[in-house]
Amino acid sequence: MSSRNLREHLGGFIFHCNKETQPECINKKLFGAPGNLLAQVKWIKHGTPIFLWNQRSRSLIGKFRAACDGAMNIDPQAWTSVTGGDRTRFPAQVRVDIVEKCAPLKEADFAH
């Protein structure tokens, strides 16, 4: 599938976090990715289903929905208390709404 077709048929998006960044993602209802992924994050439109993958606990968290279109630097200081510096390392961002609070799904529960 071409990137154009993928963009037009984006069924959802998964952002990554770790145990340090997850609380801020949830509390601020803001998910972010490195700037080199901005083009893909901009494919996210209001209402797109979104999940959060915790790389350390190997678990999938969600269900979330994009509360806005993906954009650059919605919160330029997000995660700086964890990562250091005065500007976020994850400027490709989207605000989210919680659709349903579910128990995290562990990788062992869905990996084959």
Protein backbone atom coordinates (compact mmCIF):
# COMPACT_ATOMS: atom_id res chain seq x y z
CA MET A 1 0.00 0.00 0.00
CA SER A 2 1.40 3.41 -0.90
CA SER A 3 1.87 6.07 1.77
CA ARG A 4 -0.95 8.06 0.14
CA ASN A 5 -3.35 5.11 0.47
CA LEU A 6 -2.21 4.45 4.02
CA ARG A 7 -2.84 8.09 4.93
CA GLU A 8 -6.33 7.97 3.41
CA HIS A 9 -7.21 4.71 5.19
CA LEU A 10 -5.50 5.18 8.53
CA GLY A 11 -7.43 2.93 10.90
CA GLY A 12 -5.56 3.92 14.04
CA PHE A 13 -2.22 4.95 15.46
CA ILE A 14 0.04 3.66 18.25
CA PHE A 15 2.31 6.01 20.19
CA HIS A 16 5.18 4.73 22.34
CA CYS A 17 5.93 5.61 25.94
CA ASN A 18 7.83 4.24 28.92
CA LYS A 19 7.17 4.21 32.65
CA GLU A 20 8.57 7.74 32.95
CA THR A 21 6.58 9.36 30.13
CA GLN A 22 3.30 7.41 30.46
CA PRO A 23 1.90 9.39 33.42
CA GLU A 24 2.32 12.71 31.58
CA CYS A 25 0.74 11.26 28.43
CA ILE A 26 -2.31 10.18 30.41
CA ASN A 27 -2.54 13.25 32.68
CA LYS A 28 -2.13 15.80 29.88
CA LYS A 29 -4.08 13.70 27.38
CA LEU A 30 -1.22 14.40 24.98
CA PHE A 31 0.76 11.85 23.00
CA GLY A 32 3.97 12.68 21.15
CA ALA A 33 6.58 11.27 18.82
CA PRO A 34 9.99 12.43 17.58
CA GLY A 35 9.95 15.21 14.99
CA ASN A 36 11.06 12.86 12.20
CA LEU A 37 7.59 11.22 12.47
CA LEU A 38 5.68 14.48 11.99
CA ALA A 39 4.47 13.52 8.51
CA GLN A 40 2.87 10.34 9.89
CA VAL A 41 1.43 12.10 12.96
CA LYS A 42 -0.16 14.68 10.66
CA TRP A 43 -2.13 11.81 9.10
CA ILE A 44 -4.02 11.63 12.41
CA LYS A 45 -7.33 13.46 12.18
CA HIS A 46 -9.86 14.28 14.86
CA GLY A 47 -11.53 11.01 15.88
CA THR A 48 -8.72 8.65 14.82
CA PRO A 49 -8.43 5.68 17.23
CA ILE A 50 -5.17 5.82 19.20
CA PHE A 51 -3.39 3.48 21.60
CA LEU A 52 -0.31 3.88 23.78
CA TRP A 53 2.40 1.18 23.79
CA ASN A 54 4.54 1.07 26.94
CA GLN A 55 7.90 -0.24 25.74
CA ARG A 56 9.12 -1.17 29.23
CA SER A 57 6.06 -3.02 30.51
CA ARG A 58 5.33 -4.37 27.00
CA SER A 59 1.66 -3.45 27.29
CA LEU A 60 -0.93 -1.72 25.13
CA ILE A 61 -2.99 1.00 26.81
CA GLY A 62 -6.20 2.48 25.48
CA LYS A 63 -8.75 3.13 23.97
CA PHE A 64 -8.17 6.75 23.05
CA ARG A 65 -9.41 8.96 20.23
CA ALA A 66 -7.67 11.96 18.68
CA ALA A 67 -9.20 15.15 20.09
CA CYS A 68 -7.53 17.19 17.33
CA ASP A 69 -5.50 16.69 14.18
CA GLY A 70 -1.86 15.72 14.65
CA ALA A 71 0.42 18.77 14.72
CA MET A 72 3.82 20.11 15.71
CA ASN A 73 4.52 21.37 19.25
CA ILE A 74 1.02 21.47 20.72
CA ASP A 75 2.90 21.61 24.05
CA PRO A 76 6.57 22.53 23.42
CA GLN A 77 7.55 21.70 27.02
CA ALA A 78 5.83 18.30 27.26
CA TRP A 79 7.91 15.56 28.91
CA THR A 80 10.85 17.91 29.63
CA SER A 81 10.63 17.12 33.34
CA VAL A 82 11.49 13.52 32.41
CA THR A 83 13.76 13.92 29.40
CA GLY A 84 15.52 17.16 30.37
CA GLY A 85 16.01 20.31 28.34
CA ASP A 86 13.62 23.16 27.79
CA ARG A 87 12.00 21.83 24.58
CA THR A 88 10.25 18.52 24.08
CA ARG A 89 12.01 15.63 22.36
CA PHE A 90 8.57 14.56 21.07
CA PRO A 91 7.22 17.53 19.08
CA ALA A 92 4.93 15.57 16.72
CA GLN A 93 1.86 15.57 18.96
CA VAL A 94 -1.85 14.97 19.25
CA ARG A 95 -4.34 15.60 22.06
CA VAL A 96 -6.49 12.61 22.95
CA ASP A 97 -9.76 11.83 24.66
CA ILE A 98 -10.20 8.68 26.70
CA VAL A 99 -12.79 6.50 24.98
CA GLU A 100 -12.70 3.66 27.47
CA LYS A 101 -10.51 2.86 30.46
CA CYS A 102 -9.34 -0.69 29.95
CA ALA A 103 -6.78 -2.78 31.78
CA PRO A 104 -3.46 -2.72 29.90
CA LEU A 105 -3.14 -5.57 27.43
CA LYS A 106 0.16 -7.38 28.00
CA GLU A 107 2.15 -8.43 24.96
CA ALA A 108 2.01 -12.06 26.11
CA ASP A 109 -1.79 -11.92 25.83
CA PHE A 110 -1.77 -11.15 22.11
CA ALA A 111 1.67 -12.18 20.78
CA HIS A 112 1.85 -15.46 18.89
